Amino acid sequence: EPKLSDSGDYTCSIIDEGEETLSDIQLHVREKCPTWATFLLVL
């Protein structure tokens, strides 16, 4: 259930003898189309 506030830069790291970054992911959570906007478009 991603939220707008979940948008950001996520890093996956593995830590054993040192720390190694495995992946960097930039997550963008878009706002869903409001019901009223859909209604206006259909109208």
PDB file of all heavy atoms in Angstrom:
ATOM      1  N   GLU A   1       0.811  -1.217   0.000  1.00  0.00           N
ATOM      2  CA  GLU A   1       0.000   0.000   0.000  1.00  0.00           C
ATOM      3  C   GLU A   1       0.850   1.277   0.000  1.00  0.00           C
ATOM      4  O   GLU A   1       0.830   2.054   0.951  1.00  0.00           O
ATOM      5  CB  GLU A   1      -0.947  -0.009   1.195  1.00  0.00           C
ATOM      6  CG  GLU A   1      -1.897  -1.194   1.173  1.00  0.00           C
ATOM      7  CD  GLU A   1      -2.687  -1.358   2.463  1.00  0.00           C
ATOM      8  OE1 GLU A   1      -2.484  -0.566   3.418  1.00  0.00           O
ATOM      9  OE2 GLU A   1      -3.511  -2.283   2.507  1.00  0.00           O
ATOM     10  N   PRO A   2       1.620   1.485  -1.081  1.00  0.00           N
ATOM     11  CA  PRO A   2       2.475   2.679  -1.125  1.00  0.00           C
ATOM     12  C   PRO A   2       1.674   3.974  -1.009  1.00  0.00           C
ATOM     13  O   PRO A   2       0.585   4.093  -1.557  1.00  0.00           O
ATOM     14  CB  PRO A   2       3.176   2.579  -2.474  1.00  0.00           C
ATOM     15  CG  PRO A   2       2.462   1.543  -3.248  1.00  0.00           C
ATOM     16  CD  PRO A   2       1.699   0.693  -2.300  1.00  0.00           C
ATOM     17  N   LYS A   3       2.247   4.914  -0.262  1.00  0.00           N
ATOM     18  CA  LYS A   3       1.623   6.217  -0.019  1.00  0.00           C
ATOM     19  C   LYS A   3       2.469   7.297  -0.690  1.00  0.00           C
ATOM     20  O   LYS A   3       3.629   7.068  -1.015  1.00  0.00           O
ATOM     21  CB  LYS A   3       1.578   6.497   1.487  1.00  0.00           C
ATOM     22  CG  LYS A   3       0.890   5.430   2.295  1.00  0.00           C
ATOM     23  CD  LYS A   3       1.066   5.708   3.769  1.00  0.00           C
ATOM     24  CE  LYS A   3       0.448   4.597   4.586  1.00  0.00           C
ATOM     25  NZ  LYS A   3       0.614   4.807   6.015  1.00  0.00           N
ATOM     26  N   LEU A   4       1.899   8.484  -0.854  1.00  0.00           N
ATOM     27  CA  LEU A   4       2.651   9.592  -1.438  1.00  0.00           C
ATOM     28  C   LEU A   4       3.940   9.846  -0.663  1.00  0.00           C
ATOM     29  O   LEU A   4       4.984  10.112  -1.236  1.00  0.00           O
ATOM     30  CB  LEU A   4       1.802  10.867  -1.461  1.00  0.00           C
ATOM     31  CG  LEU A   4       0.613  10.880  -2.424  1.00  0.00           C
ATOM     32  CD1 LEU A   4      -0.214  12.143  -2.238  1.00  0.00           C
ATOM     33  CD2 LEU A   4       1.078  10.747  -3.854  1.00  0.00           C
ATOM     34  N   SER A   5       3.867   9.722   0.676  1.00  0.00           N
ATOM     35  CA  SER A   5       5.036   9.979   1.519  1.00  0.00           C
ATOM     36  C   SER A   5       6.120   8.915   1.363  1.00  0.00           C
ATOM     37  O   SER A   5       7.244   9.099   1.842  1.00  0.00           O
ATOM     38  CB  SER A   5       4.620  10.077   2.991  1.00  0.00           C
ATOM     39  OG  SER A   5       4.037   8.857   3.421  1.00  0.00           O
ATOM     40  N   ASP A   6       5.826   7.797   0.693  1.00  0.00           N
ATOM     41  CA  ASP A   6       6.826   6.758   0.444  1.00  0.00           C
ATOM     42  C   ASP A   6       7.751   7.118  -0.717  1.00  0.00           C
ATOM     43  O   ASP A   6       8.753   6.434  -0.944  1.00  0.00           O
ATOM     44  CB  ASP A   6       6.157   5.410   0.147  1.00  0.00           C
ATOM     45  CG  ASP A   6       5.445   4.830   1.358  1.00  0.00           C
ATOM     46  OD1 ASP A   6       5.836   5.159   2.498  1.00  0.00           O
ATOM     47  OD2 ASP A   6       4.491   4.058   1.164  1.00  0.00           O
ATOM     48  N   SER A   7       7.421   8.168  -1.460  1.00  0.00           N
ATOM     49  CA  SER A   7       8.294   8.599  -2.557  1.00  0.00           C
ATOM     50  C   SER A   7       9.647   8.990  -1.992  1.00  0.00           C
ATOM     51  O   SER A   7       9.733   9.688  -0.979  1.00  0.00           O
ATOM     52  CB  SER A   7       7.687   9.795  -3.289  1.00  0.00           C
ATOM     53  OG  SER A   7       6.505   9.421  -3.957  1.00  0.00           O
ATOM     54  N   GLY A   8      10.711   8.492  -2.635  1.00  0.00           N
ATOM     55  CA  GLY A   8      12.050   8.833  -2.162  1.00  0.00           C
ATOM     56  C   GLY A   8      13.082   7.875  -2.718  1.00  0.00           C
ATOM     57  O   GLY A   8      12.785   7.004  -3.542  1.00  0.00           O
ATOM     58  N   ASP A   9      14.319   8.022  -2.242  1.00  0.00           N
ATOM     59  CA  ASP A   9      15.444   7.216  -2.696  1.00  0.00           C
ATOM     60  C   ASP A   9      15.720   6.099  -1.692  1.00  0.00           C
ATOM     61  O   ASP A   9      16.054   6.375  -0.535  1.00  0.00           O
ATOM     62  CB  ASP A   9      16.691   8.083  -2.858  1.00  0.00           C
ATOM     63  CG  ASP A   9      16.519   9.150  -3.925  1.00  0.00           C
ATOM     64  OD1 ASP A   9      15.797   8.883  -4.904  1.00  0.00           O
ATOM     65  OD2 ASP A   9      17.092  10.242  -3.780  1.00  0.00           O
ATOM     66  N   TYR A  10      15.604   4.860  -2.158  1.00  0.00           N
ATOM     67  CA  TYR A  10      15.802   3.673  -1.322  1.00  0.00           C
ATOM     68  C   TYR A  10      17.123   3.015  -1.701  1.00  0.00           C
ATOM     69  O   TYR A  10      17.458   2.915  -2.880  1.00  0.00           O
ATOM     70  CB  TYR A  10      14.661   2.677  -1.528  1.00  0.00           C
ATOM     71  CG  TYR A  10      13.334   3.167  -0.988  1.00  0.00           C
ATOM     72  CD1 TYR A  10      12.594   4.113  -1.683  1.00  0.00           C
ATOM     73  CD2 TYR A  10      12.840   2.695   0.220  1.00  0.00           C
ATOM     74  CE1 TYR A  10      11.386   4.574  -1.184  1.00  0.00           C
ATOM     75  CE2 TYR A  10      11.633   3.156   0.723  1.00  0.00           C
ATOM     76  CZ  TYR A  10      10.912   4.097   0.019  1.00  0.00           C
ATOM     77  OH  TYR A  10       9.716   4.551   0.519  1.00  0.00           O
ATOM     78  N   THR A  11      17.852   2.571  -0.691  1.00  0.00           N
ATOM     79  CA  THR A  11      19.129   1.908  -0.914  1.00  0.00           C
ATOM     80  C   THR A  11      19.097   0.526  -0.282  1.00  0.00           C
ATOM     81  O   THR A  11      18.684   0.369   0.872  1.00  0.00           O
ATOM     82  CB  THR A  11      20.284   2.722  -0.286  1.00  0.00           C
ATOM     83  OG1 THR A  11      20.279   4.023  -0.857  1.00  0.00           O
ATOM     84  CG2 THR A  11      21.627   2.061  -0.546  1.00  0.00           C
ATOM     85  N   CYS A  12      19.526  -0.467  -1.061  1.00  0.00           N
ATOM     86  CA  CYS A  12      19.665  -1.838  -0.569  1.00  0.00           C
ATOM     87  C   CYS A  12      21.159  -2.081  -0.371  1.00  0.00           C
ATOM     88  O   CYS A  12      21.933  -1.964  -1.324  1.00  0.00           O
ATOM     89  CB  CYS A  12      19.095  -2.825  -1.588  1.00  0.00           C
ATOM     90  SG  CYS A  12      19.386  -4.559  -1.186  1.00  0.00           S
ATOM     91  N   SER A  13      21.553  -2.387   0.855  1.00  0.00           N
ATOM     92  CA  SER A  13      22.963  -2.609   1.164  1.00  0.00           C
ATOM     93  C   SER A  13      23.139  -3.962   1.824  1.00  0.00           C
ATOM     94  O   SER A  13      22.246  -4.444   2.535  1.00  0.00           O
ATOM     95  CB  SER A  13      23.484  -1.536   2.130  1.00  0.00           C
ATOM     96  OG  SER A  13      23.296  -0.259   1.603  1.00  0.00           O
ATOM     97  N   ILE A  14      24.297  -4.543   1.602  1.00  0.00           N
ATOM     98  CA  ILE A  14      24.652  -5.780   2.283  1.00  0.00           C
ATOM     99  C   ILE A  14      25.841  -5.468   3.193  1.00  0.00           C
ATOM    100  O   ILE A  14      26.773  -4.780   2.793  1.00  0.00           O
ATOM    101  CB  ILE A  14      24.960  -6.920   1.296  1.00  0.00           C
ATOM    102  CG1 ILE A  14      25.152  -8.205   2.067  1.00  0.00           C
ATOM    103  CG2 ILE A  14      26.157  -6.615   0.440  1.00  0.00           C
ATOM    104  CD1 ILE A  14      25.021  -9.443   1.212  1.00  0.00           C
ATOM    105  N   ILE A  15      25.732  -5.918   4.414  1.00  0.00           N
ATOM    106  CA  ILE A  15      26.776  -5.648   5.395  1.00  0.00           C
ATOM    107  C   ILE A  15      27.307  -6.997   5.872  1.00  0.00           C
ATOM    108  O   ILE A  15      26.565  -7.796   6.446  1.00  0.00           O
ATOM    109  CB  ILE A  15      26.211  -4.841   6.586  1.00  0.00           C
ATOM    110  CG1 ILE A  15      25.550  -3.556   6.079  1.00  0.00           C
ATOM    111  CG2 ILE A  15      27.303  -4.551   7.604  1.00  0.00           C
ATOM    112  CD1 ILE A  15      24.599  -2.902   7.043  1.00  0.00           C
ATOM    113  N   ASP A  16      28.575  -7.276   5.557  1.00  0.00           N
ATOM    114  CA  ASP A  16      29.224  -8.469   6.107  1.00  0.00           C
ATOM    115  C   ASP A  16      30.541  -7.994   6.715  1.00  0.00           C
ATOM    116  O   ASP A  16      30.551  -7.493   7.819  1.00  0.00           O
ATOM    117  CB  ASP A  16      29.357  -9.612   5.092  1.00  0.00           C
ATOM    118  CG  ASP A  16      29.926  -9.189   3.749  1.00  0.00           C
ATOM    119  OD1 ASP A  16      30.482  -8.080   3.639  1.00  0.00           O
ATOM    120  OD2 ASP A  16      29.838  -9.984   2.806  1.00  0.00           O
ATOM    121  N   GLU A  17      31.648  -8.074   6.023  1.00  0.00           N
ATOM    122  CA  GLU A  17      32.900  -7.517   6.550  1.00  0.00           C
ATOM    123  C   GLU A  17      32.950  -6.011   6.347  1.00  0.00           C
ATOM    124  O   GLU A  17      33.633  -5.297   7.052  1.00  0.00           O
ATOM    125  CB  GLU A  17      34.092  -8.194   5.874  1.00  0.00           C
ATOM    126  CG  GLU A  17      34.229  -9.639   6.260  1.00  0.00           C
ATOM    127  CD  GLU A  17      35.350 -10.325   5.514  1.00  0.00           C
ATOM    128  OE1 GLU A  17      35.701  -9.881   4.397  1.00  0.00           O
ATOM    129  OE2 GLU A  17      35.869 -11.319   6.042  1.00  0.00           O
ATOM    130  N   GLY A  18      32.240  -5.523   5.363  1.00  0.00           N
ATOM    131  CA  GLY A  18      32.128  -4.094   5.091  1.00  0.00           C
ATOM    132  C   GLY A  18      30.692  -3.828   4.693  1.00  0.00           C
ATOM    133  O   GLY A  18      29.796  -4.620   4.978  1.00  0.00           O
ATOM    134  N   GLU A  19      30.450  -2.721   4.038  1.00  0.00           N
ATOM    135  CA  GLU A  19      29.096  -2.417   3.546  1.00  0.00           C
ATOM    136  C   GLU A  19      29.179  -2.161   2.061  1.00  0.00           C
ATOM    137  O   GLU A  19      30.029  -1.406   1.599  1.00  0.00           O
ATOM    138  CB  GLU A  19      28.504  -1.217   4.272  1.00  0.00           C
ATOM    139  CG  GLU A  19      27.073  -0.923   3.854  1.00  0.00           C
ATOM    140  CD  GLU A  19      26.390   0.115   4.738  1.00  0.00           C
ATOM    141  OE1 GLU A  19      26.861   0.373   5.858  1.00  0.00           O
ATOM    142  OE2 GLU A  19      25.359   0.645   4.298  1.00  0.00           O
ATOM    143  N   GLU A  20      28.298  -2.805   1.309  1.00  0.00           N
ATOM    144  CA  GLU A  20      28.270  -2.651  -0.141  1.00  0.00           C
ATOM    145  C   GLU A  20      26.852  -2.309  -0.576  1.00  0.00           C
ATOM    146  O   GLU A  20      25.904  -2.991  -0.207  1.00  0.00           O
ATOM    147  CB  GLU A  20      28.725  -3.948  -0.818  1.00  0.00           C
ATOM    148  CG  GLU A  20      28.740  -3.859  -2.321  1.00  0.00           C
ATOM    149  CD  GLU A  20      29.180  -5.166  -2.988  1.00  0.00           C
ATOM    150  OE1 GLU A  20      29.508  -6.127  -2.288  1.00  0.00           O
ATOM    151  OE2 GLU A  20      29.172  -5.195  -4.235  1.00  0.00           O
ATOM    152  N   THR A  21      26.715  -1.244  -1.360  1.00  0.00           N
ATOM    153  CA  THR A  21      25.409  -0.871  -1.901  1.00  0.00           C
ATOM    154  C   THR A  21      25.127  -1.750  -3.109  1.00  0.00           C
ATOM    155  O   THR A  21      25.932  -1.830  -4.029  1.00  0.00           O
ATOM    156  CB  THR A  21      25.389   0.609  -2.310  1.00  0.00           C
ATOM    157  OG1 THR A  21      25.605   1.400  -1.156  1.00  0.00           O
ATOM    158  CG2 THR A  21      24.055   0.983  -2.945  1.00  0.00           C
ATOM    159  N   LEU A  22      23.984  -2.426  -3.069  1.00  0.00           N
ATOM    160  CA  LEU A  22      23.607  -3.313  -4.168  1.00  0.00           C
ATOM    161  C   LEU A  22      22.681  -2.630  -5.157  1.00  0.00           C
ATOM    162  O   LEU A  22      22.737  -2.895  -6.346  1.00  0.00           O
ATOM    163  CB  LEU A  22      22.931  -4.569  -3.614  1.00  0.00           C
ATOM    164  CG  LEU A  22      23.753  -5.390  -2.621  1.00  0.00           C
ATOM    165  CD1 LEU A  22      22.956  -6.600  -2.168  1.00  0.00           C
ATOM    166  CD2 LEU A  22      25.068  -5.815  -3.232  1.00  0.00           C
ATOM    167  N   SER A  23      21.781  -1.806  -4.666  1.00  0.00           N
ATOM    168  CA  SER A  23      20.886  -1.102  -5.582  1.00  0.00           C
ATOM    169  C   SER A  23      20.380   0.184  -4.955  1.00  0.00           C
ATOM    170  O   SER A  23      20.236   0.293  -3.743  1.00  0.00           O
ATOM    171  CB  SER A  23      19.705  -1.983  -6.012  1.00  0.00           C
ATOM    172  OG  SER A  23      18.879  -2.289  -4.929  1.00  0.00           O
ATOM    173  N   ASP A  24      20.148   1.159  -5.824  1.00  0.00           N
ATOM    174  CA  ASP A  24      19.535   2.436  -5.451  1.00  0.00           C
ATOM    175  C   ASP A  24      18.272   2.559  -6.277  1.00  0.00           C
ATOM    176  O   ASP A  24      18.318   2.442  -7.506  1.00  0.00           O
ATOM    177  CB  ASP A  24      20.465   3.617  -5.779  1.00  0.00           C
ATOM    178  CG  ASP A  24      21.674   3.668  -4.865  1.00  0.00           C
ATOM    179  OD1 ASP A  24      21.479   3.586  -3.647  1.00  0.00           O
ATOM    180  OD2 ASP A  24      22.800   3.789  -5.382  1.00  0.00           O
ATOM    181  N   ILE A  25      17.165   2.764  -5.596  1.00  0.00           N
ATOM    182  CA  ILE A  25      15.885   2.856  -6.294  1.00  0.00           C
ATOM    183  C   ILE A  25      15.186   4.150  -5.908  1.00  0.00           C
ATOM    184  O   ILE A  25      15.049   4.462  -4.724  1.00  0.00           O
ATOM    185  CB  ILE A  25      14.995   1.640  -5.975  1.00  0.00           C
ATOM    186  CG1 ILE A  25      15.697   0.378  -6.460  1.00  0.00           C
ATOM    187  CG2 ILE A  25      13.607   1.806  -6.591  1.00  0.00           C
ATOM    188  CD1 ILE A  25      14.941  -0.890  -6.288  1.00  0.00           C
ATOM    189  N   GLN A  26      14.780   4.877  -6.927  1.00  0.00           N
ATOM    190  CA  GLN A  26      14.028   6.105  -6.714  1.00  0.00           C
ATOM    191  C   GLN A  26      12.552   5.767  -6.941  1.00  0.00           C
ATOM    192  O   GLN A  26      12.146   5.470  -8.069  1.00  0.00           O
ATOM    193  CB  GLN A  26      14.513   7.172  -7.683  1.00  0.00           C
ATOM    194  CG  GLN A  26      14.046   8.561  -7.343  1.00  0.00           C
ATOM    195  CD  GLN A  26      14.732   9.577  -8.227  1.00  0.00           C
ATOM    196  OE1 GLN A  26      14.577   9.538  -9.447  1.00  0.00           O
ATOM    197  NE2 GLN A  26      15.467  10.487  -7.627  1.00  0.00           N
ATOM    198  N   LEU A  27      11.792   5.771  -5.856  1.00  0.00           N
ATOM    199  CA  LEU A  27      10.369   5.435  -5.927  1.00  0.00           C
ATOM    200  C   LEU A  27       9.547   6.706  -6.038  1.00  0.00           C
ATOM    201  O   LEU A  27       9.722   7.641  -5.259  1.00  0.00           O
ATOM    202  CB  LEU A  27       9.948   4.645  -4.678  1.00  0.00           C
ATOM    203  CG  LEU A  27       8.471   4.277  -4.571  1.00  0.00           C
ATOM    204  CD1 LEU A  27       8.047   3.332  -5.699  1.00  0.00           C
ATOM    205  CD2 LEU A  27       8.172   3.637  -3.218  1.00  0.00           C
ATOM    206  N   HIS A  28       8.671   6.721  -7.041  1.00  0.00           N
ATOM    207  CA  HIS A  28       7.729   7.833  -7.231  1.00  0.00           C
ATOM    208  C   HIS A  28       6.322   7.262  -7.053  1.00  0.00           C
ATOM    209  O   HIS A  28       5.906   6.409  -7.828  1.00  0.00           O
ATOM    210  CB  HIS A  28       7.833   8.435  -8.633  1.00  0.00           C
ATOM    211  CG  HIS A  28       9.190   8.947  -8.977  1.00  0.00           C
ATOM    212  ND1 HIS A  28       9.677  10.140  -8.511  1.00  0.00           N
ATOM    213  CD2 HIS A  28      10.176   8.419  -9.745  1.00  0.00           C
ATOM    214  CE1 HIS A  28      10.897  10.333  -8.975  1.00  0.00           C
ATOM    215  NE2 HIS A  28      11.221   9.285  -9.720  1.00  0.00           N
ATOM    216  N   VAL A  29       5.613   7.742  -6.045  1.00  0.00           N
ATOM    217  CA  VAL A  29       4.229   7.326  -5.843  1.00  0.00           C
ATOM    218  C   VAL A  29       3.347   8.470  -6.322  1.00  0.00           C
ATOM    219  O   VAL A  29       3.400   9.580  -5.792  1.00  0.00           O
ATOM    220  CB  VAL A  29       3.940   6.998  -4.360  1.00  0.00           C
ATOM    221  CG1 VAL A  29       2.499   6.519  -4.189  1.00  0.00           C
ATOM    222  CG2 VAL A  29       4.923   5.943  -3.838  1.00  0.00           C
ATOM    223  N   ARG A  30       2.580   8.182  -7.387  1.00  0.00           N
ATOM    224  CA  ARG A  30       1.683   9.193  -7.975  1.00  0.00           C
ATOM    225  C   ARG A  30       0.351   9.190  -7.238  1.00  0.00           C
ATOM    226  O   ARG A  30      -0.145   8.142  -6.826  1.00  0.00           O
ATOM    227  CB  ARG A  30       1.410   8.871  -9.442  1.00  0.00           C
ATOM    228  CG  ARG A  30       2.571   9.025 -10.362  1.00  0.00           C
ATOM    229  CD  ARG A  30       2.124   8.864 -11.822  1.00  0.00           C
ATOM    230  NE  ARG A  30       0.994   7.975 -11.989  1.00  0.00           N
ATOM    231  CZ  ARG A  30       1.054   6.741 -12.471  1.00  0.00           C
ATOM    232  NH1 ARG A  30       2.186   6.224 -12.837  1.00  0.00           N
ATOM    233  NH2 ARG A  30      -0.025   6.013 -12.614  1.00  0.00           N
ATOM    234  N   GLU A  31      -0.234  10.361  -7.160  1.00  0.00           N
ATOM    235  CA  GLU A  31      -1.557  10.495  -6.554  1.00  0.00           C
ATOM    236  C   GLU A  31      -2.583   9.860  -7.487  1.00  0.00           C
ATOM    237  O   GLU A  31      -2.521  10.037  -8.701  1.00  0.00           O
ATOM    238  CB  GLU A  31      -1.885  11.971  -6.350  1.00  0.00           C
ATOM    239  CG  GLU A  31      -3.156  12.223  -5.585  1.00  0.00           C
ATOM    240  CD  GLU A  31      -3.377  13.700  -5.280  1.00  0.00           C
ATOM    241  OE1 GLU A  31      -2.599  14.547  -5.770  1.00  0.00           O
ATOM    242  OE2 GLU A  31      -4.327  14.002  -4.556  1.00  0.00           O
ATOM    243  N   LYS A  32      -3.504   9.094  -6.907  1.00  0.00           N
ATOM    244  CA  LYS A  32      -4.539   8.500  -7.753  1.00  0.00           C
ATOM    245  C   LYS A  32      -5.515   9.588  -8.180  1.00  0.00           C
ATOM    246  O   LYS A  32      -5.660  10.613  -7.519  1.00  0.00           O
ATOM    247  CB  LYS A  32      -5.264   7.362  -7.037  1.00  0.00           C
ATOM    248  CG  LYS A  32      -6.110   7.778  -5.858  1.00  0.00           C
ATOM    249  CD  LYS A  32      -6.810   6.571  -5.279  1.00  0.00           C
ATOM    250  CE  LYS A  32      -7.751   7.003  -4.173  1.00  0.00           C
ATOM    251  NZ  LYS A  32      -8.558   5.924  -3.695  1.00  0.00           N
ATOM    252  N   CYS A  33      -6.133   9.342  -9.302  1.00  0.00           N
ATOM    253  CA  CYS A  33      -7.084  10.309  -9.846  1.00  0.00           C
ATOM    254  C   CYS A  33      -8.288  10.393  -8.905  1.00  0.00           C
ATOM    255  O   CYS A  33      -8.925   9.379  -8.618  1.00  0.00           O
ATOM    256  CB  CYS A  33      -7.520   9.861 -11.239  1.00  0.00           C
ATOM    257  SG  CYS A  33      -8.525  11.076 -12.102  1.00  0.00           S
ATOM    258  N   PRO A  34      -8.605  11.594  -8.412  1.00  0.00           N
ATOM    259  CA  PRO A  34      -9.749  11.717  -7.498  1.00  0.00           C
ATOM    260  C   PRO A  34     -11.059  11.311  -8.189  1.00  0.00           C
ATOM    261  O   PRO A  34     -11.227  11.504  -9.392  1.00  0.00           O
ATOM    262  CB  PRO A  34      -9.779  13.198  -7.135  1.00  0.00           C
ATOM    263  CG  PRO A  34      -8.522  13.791  -7.651  1.00  0.00           C
ATOM    264  CD  PRO A  34      -7.962  12.857  -8.677  1.00  0.00           C
ATOM    265  N   THR A  35     -11.978  10.774  -7.416  1.00  0.00           N
ATOM    266  CA  THR A  35     -13.268  10.329  -7.938  1.00  0.00           C
ATOM    267  C   THR A  35     -14.009  11.469  -8.627  1.00  0.00           C
ATOM    268  O   THR A  35     -14.610  11.279  -9.678  1.00  0.00           O
ATOM    269  CB  THR A  35     -14.137   9.767  -6.790  1.00  0.00           C
ATOM    270  OG1 THR A  35     -13.373   8.775  -6.107  1.00  0.00           O
ATOM    271  CG2 THR A  35     -15.419   9.158  -7.302  1.00  0.00           C
ATOM    272  N   TRP A  36     -13.945  12.682  -8.033  1.00  0.00           N
ATOM    273  CA  TRP A  36     -14.671  13.802  -8.623  1.00  0.00           C
ATOM    274  C   TRP A  36     -14.112  14.152 -10.008  1.00  0.00           C
ATOM    275  O   TRP A  36     -14.853  14.544 -10.900  1.00  0.00           O
ATOM    276  CB  TRP A  36     -14.652  15.023  -7.701  1.00  0.00           C
ATOM    277  CG  TRP A  36     -13.290  15.580  -7.438  1.00  0.00           C
ATOM    278  CD1 TRP A  36     -12.472  15.287  -6.386  1.00  0.00           C
ATOM    279  CD2 TRP A  36     -12.568  16.515  -8.257  1.00  0.00           C
ATOM    280  NE1 TRP A  36     -11.285  15.974  -6.499  1.00  0.00           N
ATOM    281  CE2 TRP A  36     -11.319  16.737  -7.629  1.00  0.00           C
ATOM    282  CE3 TRP A  36     -12.856  17.169  -9.441  1.00  0.00           C
ATOM    283  CZ2 TRP A  36     -10.365  17.595  -8.162  1.00  0.00           C
ATOM    284  CZ3 TRP A  36     -11.899  18.031  -9.975  1.00  0.00           C
ATOM    285  CH2 TRP A  36     -10.681  18.234  -9.339  1.00  0.00           C
ATOM    286  N   ALA A  37     -12.809  13.989 -10.208  1.00  0.00           N
ATOM    287  CA  ALA A  37     -12.214  14.293 -11.513  1.00  0.00           C
ATOM    288  C   ALA A  37     -12.673  13.282 -12.561  1.00  0.00           C
ATOM    289  O   ALA A  37     -12.969  13.635 -13.707  1.00  0.00           O
ATOM    290  CB  ALA A  37     -10.693  14.300 -11.409  1.00  0.00           C
ATOM    291  N   THR A  38     -12.740  12.020 -12.170  1.00  0.00           N
ATOM    292  CA  THR A  38     -13.235  10.976 -13.073  1.00  0.00           C
ATOM    293  C   THR A  38     -14.686  11.256 -13.440  1.00  0.00           C
ATOM    294  O   THR A  38     -15.076  11.143 -14.606  1.00  0.00           O
ATOM    295  CB  THR A  38     -13.115   9.591 -12.405  1.00  0.00           C
ATOM    296  OG1 THR A  38     -11.757   9.403 -12.005  1.00  0.00           O
ATOM    297  CG2 THR A  38     -13.542   8.478 -13.341  1.00  0.00           C
ATOM    298  N   PHE A  39     -15.502  11.633 -12.448  1.00  0.00           N
ATOM    299  CA  PHE A  39     -16.916  11.951 -12.681  1.00  0.00           C
ATOM    300  C   PHE A  39     -17.038  13.116 -13.675  1.00  0.00           C
ATOM    301  O   PHE A  39     -17.845  13.061 -14.610  1.00  0.00           O
ATOM    302  CB  PHE A  39     -17.602  12.293 -11.353  1.00  0.00           C
ATOM    303  CG  PHE A  39     -19.016  12.770 -11.519  1.00  0.00           C
ATOM    304  CD1 PHE A  39     -20.041  11.864 -11.775  1.00  0.00           C
ATOM    305  CD2 PHE A  39     -19.319  14.116 -11.435  1.00  0.00           C
ATOM    306  CE1 PHE A  39     -21.349  12.306 -11.945  1.00  0.00           C
ATOM    307  CE2 PHE A  39     -20.615  14.570 -11.608  1.00  0.00           C
ATOM    308  CZ  PHE A  39     -21.631  13.655 -11.854  1.00  0.00           C
ATOM    309  N   LEU A  40     -16.233  14.164 -13.478  1.00  0.00           N
ATOM    310  CA  LEU A  40     -16.292  15.316 -14.383  1.00  0.00           C
ATOM    311  C   LEU A  40     -15.884  14.950 -15.805  1.00  0.00           C
ATOM    312  O   LEU A  40     -16.481  15.431 -16.768  1.00  0.00           O
ATOM    313  CB  LEU A  40     -15.409  16.454 -13.867  1.00  0.00           C
ATOM    314  CG  LEU A  40     -15.960  17.248 -12.687  1.00  0.00           C
ATOM    315  CD1 LEU A  40     -14.959  18.318 -12.257  1.00  0.00           C
ATOM    316  CD2 LEU A  40     -17.291  17.894 -13.025  1.00  0.00           C
ATOM    317  N   LEU A  41     -14.888  14.090 -15.944  1.00  0.00           N
ATOM    318  CA  LEU A  41     -14.454  13.655 -17.267  1.00  0.00           C
ATOM    319  C   LEU A  41     -15.564  12.880 -17.974  1.00  0.00           C
ATOM    320  O   LEU A  41     -15.855  13.115 -19.153  1.00  0.00           O
ATOM    321  CB  LEU A  41     -13.191  12.791 -17.153  1.00  0.00           C
ATOM    322  CG  LEU A  41     -12.617  12.299 -18.467  1.00  0.00           C
ATOM    323  CD1 LEU A  41     -12.210  13.473 -19.349  1.00  0.00           C
ATOM    324  CD2 LEU A  41     -11.441  11.382 -18.214  1.00  0.00           C
ATOM    325  N   VAL A  42     -16.222  11.965 -17.263  1.00  0.00           N
ATOM    326  CA  VAL A  42     -17.329  11.196 -17.850  1.00  0.00           C
ATOM    327  C   VAL A  42     -18.469  12.131 -18.223  1.00  0.00           C
ATOM    328  O   VAL A  42     -19.057  12.014 -19.306  1.00  0.00           O
ATOM    329  CB  VAL A  42     -17.804  10.098 -16.865  1.00  0.00           C
ATOM    330  CG1 VAL A  42     -19.109   9.470 -17.313  1.00  0.00           C
ATOM    331  CG2 VAL A  42     -16.715   9.037 -16.695  1.00  0.00           C
ATOM    332  N   LEU A  43     -18.786  13.085 -17.356  1.00  0.00           N
ATOM    333  CA  LEU A  43     -19.854  14.047 -17.626  1.00  0.00           C
ATOM    334  C   LEU A  43     -19.522  14.883 -18.869  1.00  0.00           C
ATOM    335  O   LEU A  43     -20.391  15.102 -19.720  1.00  0.00           O
ATOM    336  CB  LEU A  43     -20.051  14.960 -16.414  1.00  0.00           C
ATOM    337  CG  LEU A  43     -21.212  15.946 -16.483  1.00  0.00           C
ATOM    338  CD1 LEU A  43     -22.546  15.217 -16.629  1.00  0.00           C
ATOM    339  CD2 LEU A  43     -21.216  16.830 -15.252  1.00  0.00           C
TER     340      LEU A  43
END
